Amino acid sequence: QLQLVESGGALVQPGGSLILACAASGFGFDYYAIAWFRQTPGKEREGVSCIDNNDGQTYYSDSVTGRFSISRDNTKNTVYLQMDSLKAEDTGVYYCGAVHDALSIQFMCVKWRVVDTIYWGHGTPVTVSS
């Protein structure tokens, strides 16, 4: 079982950039696909980006394609989310989630579904405002 800790959230102006980090502890980080989701009050958790556990294939939601970039460093058990050209609608609490079975990876990374098999961190807040 993995334990995940997010960091890097902050207040940033529109057009600015942030780098979020998701640090994992526990066995077998290499075997997990890691995703970033975000949530605002009253709304469901929304998938943003994912990186798989095999060849490092990456996935992005339409709303962030071309602006966000996900990467992983398995030597540091950490996944990063580089966020550029930030907009007010990017505001929210950002959570990283981890799964390792193939079906859950399809749900989390392709369909952006929140499923019971996801291990979650506690989130880091991002506010984009002038």
Foldseek 3Di string as FASTA:
>chain_A
DKAWAKDWADEAAAQAKTKMKIAIDDPDLLQKKKFKWFDDPPDDIFTAKIFGNPPRDIAGDPVQPPFWDWDDDVVRRMIMIIGGRDDQVVWGWMKMWIARDPVVCCCCHPVVHDDPRIDIYPTDGHGHHD
